[in-house]
Protein backbone atom coordinates (compact mmCIF):
# COMPACT_ATOMS: atom_id res chain seq x y z
CA MET A 1 -32.08 7.90 -41.04
CA VAL A 2 -32.48 10.46 -38.29
CA GLY A 3 -33.55 7.78 -35.89
CA THR A 4 -30.51 5.64 -36.78
CA PHE A 5 -28.23 8.64 -36.26
CA VAL A 6 -29.75 9.43 -32.84
CA THR A 7 -29.45 5.75 -31.84
CA LEU A 8 -25.79 5.64 -32.85
CA SER A 9 -25.15 8.93 -30.99
CA LEU A 10 -26.74 7.50 -27.84
CA LEU A 11 -24.67 4.31 -28.14
CA GLY A 12 -21.57 6.33 -28.68
CA GLY A 13 -22.31 8.48 -25.67
CA ALA A 14 -23.06 5.48 -23.56
CA GLY A 15 -19.85 3.87 -24.72
CA TYR A 16 -17.84 6.94 -23.76
CA ALA A 17 -19.55 7.09 -20.38
CA ILE A 18 -18.65 3.43 -19.74
CA TRP A 19 -15.04 3.99 -20.88
CA ARG A 20 -14.63 7.18 -18.83
CA PHE A 21 -16.52 6.55 -15.62
CA ALA A 22 -17.07 2.83 -15.23
CA LEU A 23 -13.77 1.58 -16.64
CA GLY A 24 -11.61 4.45 -15.40
CA SER A 25 -10.47 5.71 -18.83
CA PRO A 26 -8.25 2.76 -19.65
CA THR A 27 -5.34 3.33 -22.03
CA THR A 28 -4.10 -0.26 -22.20
CA LEU A 29 -5.73 -3.61 -22.86
CA SER A 30 -4.94 -4.91 -19.35
CA ALA A 31 -6.50 -1.80 -17.82
CA ALA A 32 -9.56 -2.23 -19.96
CA ARG A 33 -9.93 -5.91 -18.89
CA GLN A 34 -9.58 -4.81 -15.27
CA GLY A 35 -12.24 -2.18 -15.87
CA PHE A 36 -14.65 -4.58 -17.51
CA GLY A 37 -14.18 -6.96 -14.59
CA ASP A 38 -15.14 -4.13 -12.24
CA PHE A 39 -17.99 -3.00 -14.51
CA THR A 40 -19.82 -6.29 -14.13
CA ASN A 41 -20.41 -5.27 -10.51
CA VAL A 42 -20.53 -1.51 -11.08
CA LEU A 43 -23.76 -1.06 -9.19
CA LYS A 44 -22.83 -3.43 -6.39
CA ASP A 45 -21.35 -2.49 -2.98
CA GLY A 46 -19.05 -5.47 -2.25
CA LEU A 47 -19.55 -4.89 1.49
CA GLN A 48 -23.34 -4.84 1.39
CA GLY A 49 -24.77 -7.25 3.94
CA LEU A 50 -21.32 -8.21 5.19
CA ASP A 51 -19.93 -7.76 8.70
CA PHE A 52 -16.88 -5.51 8.20
CA GLY A 53 -15.31 -6.81 11.45
CA ARG A 54 -14.98 -10.32 10.06
CA PHE A 55 -12.40 -9.23 7.47
CA PHE A 56 -9.72 -8.77 10.13
CA GLY A 57 -9.60 -12.53 10.70
CA ASN A 58 -7.71 -12.71 7.38
CA ASP A 59 -5.16 -10.01 8.27
CA PRO A 60 -1.62 -11.48 7.94
CA GLN A 61 -0.34 -8.86 10.38
CA ALA A 62 -2.69 -9.87 13.14
CA GLY A 63 -0.89 -10.75 16.33
CA ASP A 64 2.37 -9.11 15.23
CA SER A 65 3.15 -6.02 17.38
CA THR A 66 6.58 -5.48 15.87
CA MET A 67 7.37 -1.88 14.84
CA TYR A 68 9.67 -1.99 11.86
CA THR A 69 11.39 1.18 10.69
CA TRP A 70 12.53 2.09 7.23
CA GLN A 71 16.11 1.65 6.23
CA SER A 72 18.42 4.21 7.81
CA GLU A 73 19.14 5.99 4.56
CA TYR A 74 15.56 7.28 4.52
CA ILE A 75 15.73 8.62 8.09
CA GLN A 76 17.37 12.05 8.44
CA PRO A 77 19.55 12.64 11.52
CA ASN A 78 18.95 15.31 14.14
CA ASN A 79 15.21 14.95 14.21
CA GLY A 80 14.81 15.08 10.46
CA GLY A 81 12.41 12.15 10.48
CA LEU A 82 11.44 9.71 7.78
CA HIS A 83 11.70 11.09 4.22
CA LEU A 84 9.66 8.80 2.02
CA THR A 85 8.19 8.87 -1.50
CA LEU A 86 4.68 7.49 -2.04
CA LEU A 87 3.90 6.47 -5.59
CA ASN A 88 0.23 7.08 -6.28
CA ALA A 89 -0.61 4.27 -8.75
CA LEU A 90 -4.36 4.43 -7.99
CA ASP A 91 -7.05 5.15 -10.55
CA ASP A 92 -9.18 8.30 -10.42
CA SER A 93 -11.82 6.76 -8.17
CA TRP A 94 -9.36 6.58 -5.24
CA GLN A 95 -7.76 10.01 -5.33
CA ASP A 96 -9.93 11.61 -2.56
CA GLU A 97 -9.35 8.80 -0.10
CA PHE A 98 -5.59 8.74 -0.87
CA TYR A 99 -4.97 12.46 -0.45
CA ASP A 100 -7.25 12.70 2.61
CA ALA A 101 -5.56 9.80 4.42
CA VAL A 102 -2.01 10.79 3.47
CA GLY A 103 -2.79 14.36 4.45
CA ASP A 104 -3.69 13.13 7.95
CA TRP A 105 -0.52 11.11 8.26
CA SER A 106 1.48 14.15 7.08
CA ASN A 107 0.46 15.92 10.31
CA SER A 108 3.17 13.83 12.04
CA PRO A 109 6.41 15.83 12.43
CA ALA A 110 8.18 12.51 12.04
CA LEU A 111 7.13 12.20 8.40
CA SER A 112 8.24 14.10 5.36
CA LEU A 113 6.27 12.62 2.47
CA GLU A 114 6.71 13.25 -1.25
CA LEU A 115 3.73 12.22 -3.36
CA GLU A 116 4.22 11.28 -7.00
CA ARG A 117 1.31 10.40 -9.30
CA VAL A 118 2.31 7.63 -11.68
CA GLU A 119 0.55 5.48 -14.24
CA VAL A 120 -2.26 3.35 -12.84
CA ASP A 121 -0.79 0.00 -11.92
CA TYR A 122 -3.35 -2.79 -11.39
CA ASP A 123 -0.48 -5.24 -10.96
CA CYS A 124 0.85 -3.28 -7.99
CA ASN A 125 4.50 -3.77 -8.80
CA ARG A 126 7.01 -3.20 -6.01
CA VAL A 127 9.60 -0.40 -6.36
CA ASP A 128 12.71 -0.25 -4.16
CA GLY A 129 12.88 2.57 -1.63
CA VAL A 130 9.30 3.79 -1.91
CA MET A 131 5.73 2.95 -0.90
CA VAL A 132 3.47 2.07 -3.84
CA VAL A 133 -0.25 2.60 -3.31
CA CYS A 134 -2.54 0.89 -5.78
CA ASN A 135 -6.00 -0.59 -6.38
CA ALA A 136 -7.31 -3.58 -8.30
CA ASN A 137 -10.00 -6.24 -8.22
CA PHE A 138 -8.15 -8.98 -6.40
CA GLY A 139 -11.28 -11.08 -6.05
CA ASP A 140 -13.05 -12.64 -3.06
CA THR A 141 -9.86 -12.86 -0.98
CA GLY A 142 -11.37 -12.14 2.42
CA TRP A 143 -9.33 -8.91 2.76
CA VAL A 144 -10.43 -5.40 1.80
CA GLY A 145 -6.88 -3.97 1.87
CA ILE A 146 -3.41 -5.26 2.52
CA ASN A 147 0.10 -3.88 3.05
CA GLN A 148 3.21 -5.79 2.11
CA ASN A 149 6.50 -4.48 3.44
CA GLU A 150 9.75 -5.95 2.19
CA ILE A 151 12.00 -6.42 5.22
CA LYS A 152 15.77 -6.83 5.04
CA ARG A 153 17.88 -7.04 8.23
CA ASP A 154 14.84 -5.95 10.27
CA MET A 155 14.32 -2.79 8.22
CA ILE A 156 11.77 -1.84 5.55
CA VAL A 157 13.24 -1.37 2.07
CA SER A 158 10.04 -1.18 0.04
CA SER A 159 6.29 -1.26 0.60
CA VAL A 160 3.12 -1.92 -1.42
CA THR A 161 -0.33 -0.94 -0.19
CA LYS A 162 -3.30 -2.52 -2.04
CA MET A 163 -7.04 -1.64 -2.05
CA ASN A 164 -9.27 -4.56 -3.07
CA GLU A 165 -11.92 -3.37 -5.54
CA PHE A 166 -13.91 -6.58 -5.18
CA TYR A 167 -15.23 -5.21 -1.90
CA LEU A 168 -14.42 -1.53 -2.01
CA ARG A 169 -15.33 -0.46 -5.54
CA ASN A 170 -18.69 0.96 -4.49
CA ALA A 171 -18.31 0.91 -0.72
CA ASP A 172 -19.03 4.09 1.19
CA TYR A 173 -16.36 6.75 1.78
CA GLU A 174 -15.81 5.73 5.44
CA HIS A 175 -14.88 2.13 4.65
CA ARG A 176 -12.51 3.23 1.85
CA ARG A 177 -10.93 6.05 3.87
CA TYR A 178 -10.40 3.76 6.93
CA THR A 179 -8.84 1.04 4.77
CA MET A 180 -6.47 3.54 3.10
CA CYS A 181 -5.41 5.07 6.41
CA HIS A 182 -4.96 1.59 8.00
CA GLU A 183 -2.76 0.10 5.23
CA VAL A 184 -0.65 3.19 4.67
CA GLY A 185 0.03 3.24 8.45
CA HIS A 186 1.38 -0.31 8.16
CA GLY A 187 3.62 0.98 5.35
CA PHE A 188 5.34 3.30 7.81
CA GLY A 189 6.02 0.28 10.05
CA LEU A 190 3.21 0.67 12.56
CA PRO A 191 1.45 -2.33 14.11
CA HIS A 192 -2.20 -2.55 15.22
CA THR A 193 -3.36 -0.64 18.29
CA ASP A 194 -6.12 -3.17 19.04
CA GLU A 195 -7.29 -6.38 17.30
CA ASP A 196 -10.88 -6.82 18.53
CA PRO A 197 -13.27 -5.24 16.01
CA TYR A 198 -16.23 -5.58 18.43
CA ASN A 199 -14.96 -3.72 21.50
CA GLN A 200 -14.97 0.05 22.02
CA ASN A 201 -13.40 1.99 19.19
CA LEU A 202 -10.13 3.77 20.05
CA GLY A 203 -10.53 6.50 17.45
CA ASN A 204 -7.55 5.55 15.25
CA CYS A 205 -7.34 3.71 11.95
CA LEU A 206 -5.01 0.97 13.20
CA ASP A 207 -7.67 -0.19 15.63
CA TYR A 208 -9.81 -3.05 14.29
CA THR A 209 -13.43 -1.93 13.95
CA LYS A 210 -16.75 -2.82 12.52
CA GLU A 211 -17.69 0.92 12.36
CA PRO A 212 -14.97 2.62 10.27
CA ALA A 213 -16.53 6.07 10.56
CA GLU A 214 -15.27 6.23 14.18
CA ASN A 215 -11.68 5.19 13.30
CA MET A 216 -10.78 6.99 10.09
CA TYR A 217 -7.76 8.99 11.33
CA PRO A 218 -4.23 8.16 12.55
CA GLY A 219 -4.92 9.28 16.12
CA GLY A 220 -2.51 10.61 18.72
CA VAL A 221 -1.28 7.16 19.75
CA ASN A 222 0.11 6.41 16.28
CA LEU A 223 1.59 9.86 15.81
CA SER A 224 3.39 9.33 19.11
CA LYS A 225 4.69 5.95 17.93
CA LEU A 226 6.03 7.57 14.72
CA LYS A 227 7.83 10.16 16.79
CA ASN A 228 9.56 7.45 18.79
CA MET A 229 10.39 5.51 15.62
CA TYR A 230 11.77 8.29 13.45
CA LEU A 231 12.68 11.30 15.60
CA SER A 232 15.63 11.48 17.99
CA ARG A 233 16.79 8.04 16.81
CA ARG A 234 19.84 9.14 14.79
CA LYS A 235 22.23 11.84 15.92
CA LEU A 236 24.93 13.44 13.83
CA THR A 237 27.76 15.33 15.48
CA ILE A 238 30.65 17.05 13.75
CA VAL A 239 33.60 18.13 15.86
CA GLU A 240 36.56 20.17 14.59
CA GLY A 241 40.03 19.08 15.73
CA LYS A 242 42.89 21.41 16.54
CA ASP A 243 44.62 20.52 13.28
CA GLY A 244 41.63 21.57 11.22
CA SER A 245 40.33 18.08 10.68
CA PHE A 246 36.80 16.95 11.56
CA ILE A 247 35.29 13.94 13.23
CA GLU A 248 31.78 13.11 12.01
CA THR A 249 29.88 10.84 14.42
CA HIS A 250 26.67 9.02 13.56
CA MET A 251 24.72 7.43 16.41
CA LEU A 252 21.59 5.30 16.54
CA VAL A 253 19.98 6.62 19.70
CA VAL A 254 17.95 4.46 22.06
CA ASN A 255 17.41 7.12 24.76
CA PRO A 256 18.21 10.70 23.66
CA ASP A 257 18.22 11.88 27.28
CA MET A 258 21.27 9.70 28.01
CA ILE A 259 23.40 11.17 25.23
CA GLU A 260 26.01 13.62 26.39
CA ASP A 261 27.72 16.15 24.21
CA ILE A 262 30.86 14.82 22.59
CA GLU A 263 33.79 16.92 23.73
CA GLU A 264 36.20 18.33 21.22
CA TYR A 265 39.00 15.84 20.84
CA ASP A 266 42.67 16.70 21.36
CA GLU A 267 45.19 16.16 18.63
CA VAL A 268 47.36 13.16 19.31
């Protein structure tokens, strides 16, 4: 009887450990199924024995150097920068990489980021006006992470950043941190800084690399690009007329140095 009780206790403890740590404490059936899919490879590093550099051949943004900016309603005038909400739909295993990478991007004066922890979403559903960051086992896709920006009239209106658990579930911190930094950077509208993973590393996470430990951070080049994209681009001027009325002028600025002060207008 005692032996049976001990056996049941051990099984119960093992079951809890699987539910809590291997499956990520699922609260829904879909989450549990996702967790069990991950658990089948719980001791496996999906990148083990693979050349990390080869994954960039499957990057849909390769060769595209376009810098898209977010819709103007999210960019504050007079050097207010991009004000953007990031929905953290990641499970517990990704919190360190998420907060570390986003913390680095937050060093840019061009970004004002609001972070909101939401329910884990393995389906990675898109939400208008925000960047969703999520993780799931997407299978043997050939990509470790991907960013999908919704573009309307050449401006970003929503963004989804995905981490692929098939490869990254048990990968080392450097691979996971690099991938998070890289894909979140695309979510701001940034292109790659270099697309050869086998040349000298540039020290920023939008540079293709086979050695992520050397490219885990945004780097000065990308912070400079963000400044050009989101600061000094919109100018708001309010001028009072002689009759007490006001003229409010919004300008999309190409070269701030060419903008002259708007003189007070005369009443007609």
